[in-house]
N, C-alpha and C. Protein backbone atom coordinates (compact mmCIF):
# COMPACT_ATOMS: atom_id res chain seq x y z
N UNK A 1 87.12 -7.45 -57.77
CA UNK A 1 87.85 -7.85 -58.95
C UNK A 1 88.52 -9.19 -58.68
N UNK A 2 88.45 -10.06 -59.64
CA UNK A 2 89.10 -11.37 -59.51
C UNK A 2 90.51 -11.29 -60.07
N UNK A 3 91.30 -12.28 -59.70
CA UNK A 3 92.66 -12.39 -60.22
C UNK A 3 92.63 -12.51 -61.74
N UNK A 4 91.68 -13.28 -62.24
CA UNK A 4 91.56 -13.46 -63.69
C UNK A 4 91.23 -12.14 -64.39
N UNK A 5 90.34 -11.33 -63.79
CA UNK A 5 90.02 -10.02 -64.35
C UNK A 5 91.25 -9.12 -64.39
N UNK A 6 92.03 -9.19 -63.31
CA UNK A 6 93.25 -8.37 -63.24
C UNK A 6 94.22 -8.79 -64.34
N UNK A 7 94.41 -10.07 -64.50
CA UNK A 7 95.31 -10.57 -65.55
C UNK A 7 94.79 -10.16 -66.93
N UNK A 8 93.49 -10.22 -67.13
CA UNK A 8 92.92 -9.83 -68.42
C UNK A 8 93.15 -8.34 -68.69
N UNK A 9 93.08 -7.53 -67.66
CA UNK A 9 93.31 -6.09 -67.85
C UNK A 9 94.75 -5.83 -68.30
N UNK A 10 95.68 -6.65 -67.85
CA UNK A 10 97.07 -6.52 -68.30
C UNK A 10 97.15 -6.81 -69.79
N UNK A 11 96.46 -7.84 -70.22
CA UNK A 11 96.45 -8.19 -71.64
C UNK A 11 95.77 -7.13 -72.49
N UNK A 12 94.73 -6.50 -71.94
CA UNK A 12 93.98 -5.49 -72.69
C UNK A 12 94.71 -4.16 -72.76
N UNK A 13 95.64 -3.95 -71.81
CA UNK A 13 96.41 -2.70 -71.82
C UNK A 13 95.78 -1.55 -71.07
N UNK A 14 94.66 -1.81 -70.37
CA UNK A 14 93.99 -0.76 -69.61
C UNK A 14 93.92 -1.16 -68.14
N UNK A 15 94.59 -0.40 -67.27
CA UNK A 15 94.53 -0.76 -65.85
C UNK A 15 93.12 -0.55 -65.31
N UNK A 16 92.71 -1.38 -64.38
CA UNK A 16 91.39 -1.21 -63.78
C UNK A 16 91.29 0.12 -63.04
N UNK A 17 90.12 0.70 -63.08
CA UNK A 17 89.87 1.97 -62.38
C UNK A 17 89.87 1.75 -60.88
N UNK A 18 90.39 2.70 -60.14
CA UNK A 18 90.28 2.70 -58.70
C UNK A 18 91.15 1.72 -57.95
N UNK A 19 92.18 1.15 -58.59
CA UNK A 19 93.03 0.21 -57.87
C UNK A 19 94.08 0.97 -57.05
N UNK A 20 94.63 0.29 -56.07
CA UNK A 20 95.65 0.91 -55.22
C UNK A 20 96.94 1.13 -56.01
N UNK A 21 97.79 1.95 -55.46
CA UNK A 21 99.09 2.21 -56.09
C UNK A 21 99.91 0.92 -56.15
N UNK A 22 99.73 0.04 -55.17
CA UNK A 22 100.47 -1.23 -55.15
C UNK A 22 100.04 -2.11 -56.32
N UNK A 23 98.73 -2.22 -56.51
CA UNK A 23 98.24 -3.01 -57.64
C UNK A 23 98.61 -2.37 -58.96
N UNK A 24 98.58 -1.05 -59.01
CA UNK A 24 98.98 -0.37 -60.24
C UNK A 24 100.44 -0.65 -60.56
N UNK A 25 101.29 -0.66 -59.55
CA UNK A 25 102.69 -1.01 -59.76
C UNK A 25 102.81 -2.44 -60.29
N UNK A 26 102.09 -3.37 -59.69
CA UNK A 26 102.14 -4.76 -60.14
C UNK A 26 101.54 -4.90 -61.54
N UNK A 27 100.54 -4.08 -61.84
CA UNK A 27 99.95 -4.09 -63.18
C UNK A 27 101.00 -3.66 -64.21
N UNK A 28 101.71 -2.57 -63.91
CA UNK A 28 102.74 -2.11 -64.84
C UNK A 28 103.86 -3.14 -64.97
N UNK A 29 104.21 -3.79 -63.86
CA UNK A 29 105.20 -4.86 -63.94
C UNK A 29 104.69 -5.98 -64.84
N UNK A 30 103.43 -6.31 -64.70
CA UNK A 30 102.83 -7.34 -65.55
C UNK A 30 102.85 -6.96 -67.02
N UNK A 31 102.85 -5.68 -67.29
CA UNK A 31 102.94 -5.16 -68.66
C UNK A 31 104.38 -5.13 -69.15
N UNK A 32 105.32 -5.43 -68.26
CA UNK A 32 106.73 -5.39 -68.64
C UNK A 32 107.38 -4.03 -68.45
N UNK A 33 106.70 -3.14 -67.72
CA UNK A 33 107.23 -1.79 -67.51
C UNK A 33 107.77 -1.69 -66.07
N UNK A 34 108.95 -2.26 -65.86
CA UNK A 34 109.58 -2.26 -64.54
C UNK A 34 109.80 -0.84 -64.03
N UNK A 35 110.26 0.04 -64.90
CA UNK A 35 110.56 1.41 -64.48
C UNK A 35 109.33 2.13 -63.95
N UNK A 36 108.21 1.99 -64.62
CA UNK A 36 106.98 2.63 -64.16
C UNK A 36 106.53 2.01 -62.84
N UNK A 37 106.60 0.69 -62.75
CA UNK A 37 106.22 0.01 -61.51
C UNK A 37 107.08 0.50 -60.35
N UNK A 38 108.37 0.58 -60.58
CA UNK A 38 109.30 1.01 -59.54
C UNK A 38 109.03 2.46 -59.14
N UNK A 39 108.76 3.30 -60.11
CA UNK A 39 108.53 4.72 -59.80
C UNK A 39 107.30 4.92 -58.91
N UNK A 40 106.35 4.03 -58.98
CA UNK A 40 105.13 4.15 -58.19
C UNK A 40 105.35 3.83 -56.71
N UNK A 41 106.31 2.97 -56.40
CA UNK A 41 106.53 2.58 -55.01
C UNK A 41 107.85 3.08 -54.43
N UNK A 42 108.67 3.68 -55.26
CA UNK A 42 110.02 4.06 -54.85
C UNK A 42 110.05 5.00 -53.65
N UNK A 43 109.11 5.88 -53.53
CA UNK A 43 109.13 6.85 -52.42
C UNK A 43 108.20 6.47 -51.28
N UNK A 44 107.57 5.30 -51.35
CA UNK A 44 106.64 4.87 -50.31
C UNK A 44 107.37 3.99 -49.30
N UNK A 45 106.98 4.07 -48.04
CA UNK A 45 107.69 3.36 -46.97
C UNK A 45 106.83 2.36 -46.20
N UNK A 46 105.54 2.24 -46.52
CA UNK A 46 104.71 1.29 -45.77
C UNK A 46 105.07 -0.14 -46.16
N UNK A 47 104.65 -1.10 -45.36
CA UNK A 47 105.05 -2.49 -45.54
C UNK A 47 104.66 -3.06 -46.90
N UNK A 48 103.48 -2.72 -47.38
CA UNK A 48 103.05 -3.25 -48.67
C UNK A 48 103.91 -2.69 -49.79
N UNK A 49 104.18 -1.40 -49.76
CA UNK A 49 105.04 -0.79 -50.77
C UNK A 49 106.43 -1.40 -50.72
N UNK A 50 106.92 -1.66 -49.52
CA UNK A 50 108.25 -2.26 -49.38
C UNK A 50 108.28 -3.67 -49.96
N UNK A 51 107.19 -4.40 -49.81
CA UNK A 51 107.10 -5.75 -50.37
C UNK A 51 107.14 -5.70 -51.90
N UNK A 52 106.34 -4.81 -52.47
CA UNK A 52 106.35 -4.65 -53.93
C UNK A 52 107.73 -4.20 -54.40
N UNK A 53 108.31 -3.27 -53.67
CA UNK A 53 109.64 -2.74 -54.00
C UNK A 53 110.67 -3.87 -53.95
N UNK A 54 110.59 -4.72 -52.93
CA UNK A 54 111.51 -5.85 -52.81
C UNK A 54 111.38 -6.79 -54.01
N UNK A 55 110.15 -7.13 -54.34
CA UNK A 55 109.90 -8.00 -55.49
C UNK A 55 110.53 -7.40 -56.76
N UNK A 56 110.32 -6.11 -56.96
CA UNK A 56 110.84 -5.48 -58.17
C UNK A 56 112.37 -5.54 -58.23
N UNK A 57 113.03 -5.34 -57.09
CA UNK A 57 114.49 -5.43 -57.10
C UNK A 57 114.95 -6.87 -57.26
N UNK A 58 114.19 -7.81 -56.72
CA UNK A 58 114.52 -9.22 -56.96
C UNK A 58 114.41 -9.52 -58.45
N UNK A 59 113.37 -9.02 -59.06
CA UNK A 59 113.18 -9.24 -60.50
C UNK A 59 114.32 -8.61 -61.29
N UNK A 60 114.77 -7.47 -60.83
CA UNK A 60 115.86 -6.76 -61.48
C UNK A 60 117.18 -7.54 -61.35
N UNK A 61 117.25 -8.44 -60.37
CA UNK A 61 118.46 -9.20 -60.14
C UNK A 61 119.35 -8.61 -59.07
N UNK A 62 118.86 -7.58 -58.38
CA UNK A 62 119.62 -6.91 -57.33
C UNK A 62 119.17 -7.47 -55.97
N UNK A 63 119.65 -8.67 -55.64
CA UNK A 63 119.19 -9.33 -54.42
C UNK A 63 119.60 -8.61 -53.16
N UNK A 64 120.72 -7.93 -53.16
CA UNK A 64 121.14 -7.19 -51.97
C UNK A 64 120.13 -6.09 -51.66
N UNK A 65 119.75 -5.34 -52.68
CA UNK A 65 118.75 -4.28 -52.51
C UNK A 65 117.38 -4.88 -52.20
N UNK A 66 117.05 -5.97 -52.88
CA UNK A 66 115.77 -6.65 -52.62
C UNK A 66 115.69 -7.08 -51.15
N UNK A 67 116.77 -7.65 -50.64
CA UNK A 67 116.75 -8.11 -49.25
C UNK A 67 116.54 -6.96 -48.27
N UNK A 68 117.10 -5.80 -48.58
CA UNK A 68 116.86 -4.61 -47.76
C UNK A 68 115.37 -4.32 -47.70
N UNK A 69 114.69 -4.33 -48.86
CA UNK A 69 113.26 -4.01 -48.89
C UNK A 69 112.41 -5.13 -48.30
N UNK A 70 112.83 -6.38 -48.47
CA UNK A 70 112.11 -7.48 -47.80
C UNK A 70 112.17 -7.28 -46.27
N UNK A 71 113.33 -6.91 -45.75
CA UNK A 71 113.43 -6.67 -44.31
C UNK A 71 112.49 -5.55 -43.88
N UNK A 72 112.44 -4.48 -44.65
CA UNK A 72 111.53 -3.36 -44.31
C UNK A 72 110.07 -3.79 -44.36
N UNK A 73 109.76 -4.79 -45.19
CA UNK A 73 108.40 -5.31 -45.31
C UNK A 73 108.13 -6.44 -44.32
N UNK A 74 109.12 -6.76 -43.47
CA UNK A 74 109.02 -7.89 -42.54
C UNK A 74 108.77 -9.21 -43.25
N UNK A 75 109.49 -9.39 -44.36
CA UNK A 75 109.38 -10.62 -45.17
C UNK A 75 110.78 -11.13 -45.44
N UNK A 76 110.85 -12.36 -45.89
CA UNK A 76 112.10 -12.93 -46.37
C UNK A 76 111.98 -13.15 -47.86
N UNK A 77 113.12 -13.05 -48.54
CA UNK A 77 113.10 -13.31 -49.99
C UNK A 77 112.62 -14.74 -50.20
N UNK A 78 111.56 -14.92 -50.98
CA UNK A 78 111.00 -16.25 -51.16
C UNK A 78 111.83 -17.11 -52.11
N UNK A 79 111.69 -18.39 -51.95
CA UNK A 79 112.36 -19.34 -52.83
C UNK A 79 111.34 -19.91 -53.81
N UNK A 80 110.70 -19.00 -54.54
CA UNK A 80 109.71 -19.36 -55.56
C UNK A 80 110.04 -18.57 -56.82
N UNK A 81 109.38 -18.92 -57.91
CA UNK A 81 109.59 -18.18 -59.15
C UNK A 81 109.08 -16.75 -59.01
N UNK A 82 109.57 -15.88 -59.86
CA UNK A 82 109.07 -14.50 -59.87
C UNK A 82 107.58 -14.47 -60.15
N UNK A 83 107.11 -15.32 -61.05
CA UNK A 83 105.68 -15.36 -61.35
C UNK A 83 104.87 -15.77 -60.12
N UNK A 84 105.37 -16.74 -59.38
CA UNK A 84 104.67 -17.17 -58.17
C UNK A 84 104.63 -16.05 -57.14
N UNK A 85 105.74 -15.33 -57.01
CA UNK A 85 105.74 -14.23 -56.05
C UNK A 85 104.81 -13.12 -56.52
N UNK A 86 104.80 -12.83 -57.81
CA UNK A 86 103.90 -11.82 -58.36
C UNK A 86 102.46 -12.15 -57.96
N UNK A 87 102.07 -13.41 -58.15
CA UNK A 87 100.72 -13.84 -57.81
C UNK A 87 100.47 -13.75 -56.31
N UNK A 88 101.47 -14.09 -55.51
CA UNK A 88 101.35 -14.05 -54.05
C UNK A 88 101.13 -12.63 -53.56
N UNK A 89 101.71 -11.67 -54.26
CA UNK A 89 101.52 -10.26 -53.89
C UNK A 89 100.17 -9.75 -54.38
N UNK A 90 99.84 -10.04 -55.62
CA UNK A 90 98.63 -9.48 -56.24
C UNK A 90 97.36 -10.02 -55.59
N UNK A 91 97.27 -11.32 -55.40
CA UNK A 91 96.01 -11.92 -54.95
C UNK A 91 95.44 -11.29 -53.68
N UNK A 92 96.22 -11.12 -52.61
CA UNK A 92 95.61 -10.53 -51.42
C UNK A 92 95.30 -9.04 -51.56
N UNK A 93 95.91 -8.38 -52.53
CA UNK A 93 95.65 -6.94 -52.72
C UNK A 93 94.38 -6.66 -53.51
N UNK A 94 93.84 -7.69 -54.15
CA UNK A 94 92.64 -7.49 -54.98
C UNK A 94 91.38 -7.29 -54.16
């Protein structure tokens, strides 16, 4: 799947079949459903889930909580736009 296909699926309202929970969370975030995205990664502890979780809390505006999840993901809070970070997370997961 290409990045463009993934973005198109967000516009169409149908998530792609067989994607990972991380991509599904980012898909729901792309749809504007932060709560659904968060619920998908909230109980996961692996580094990728922690990265997605960190991004979601950054988007929420809770930088203290975001920084906790960035540390768990072995990342630092980026100094880029939320859209740029969204793309940085999604592209390697495709």
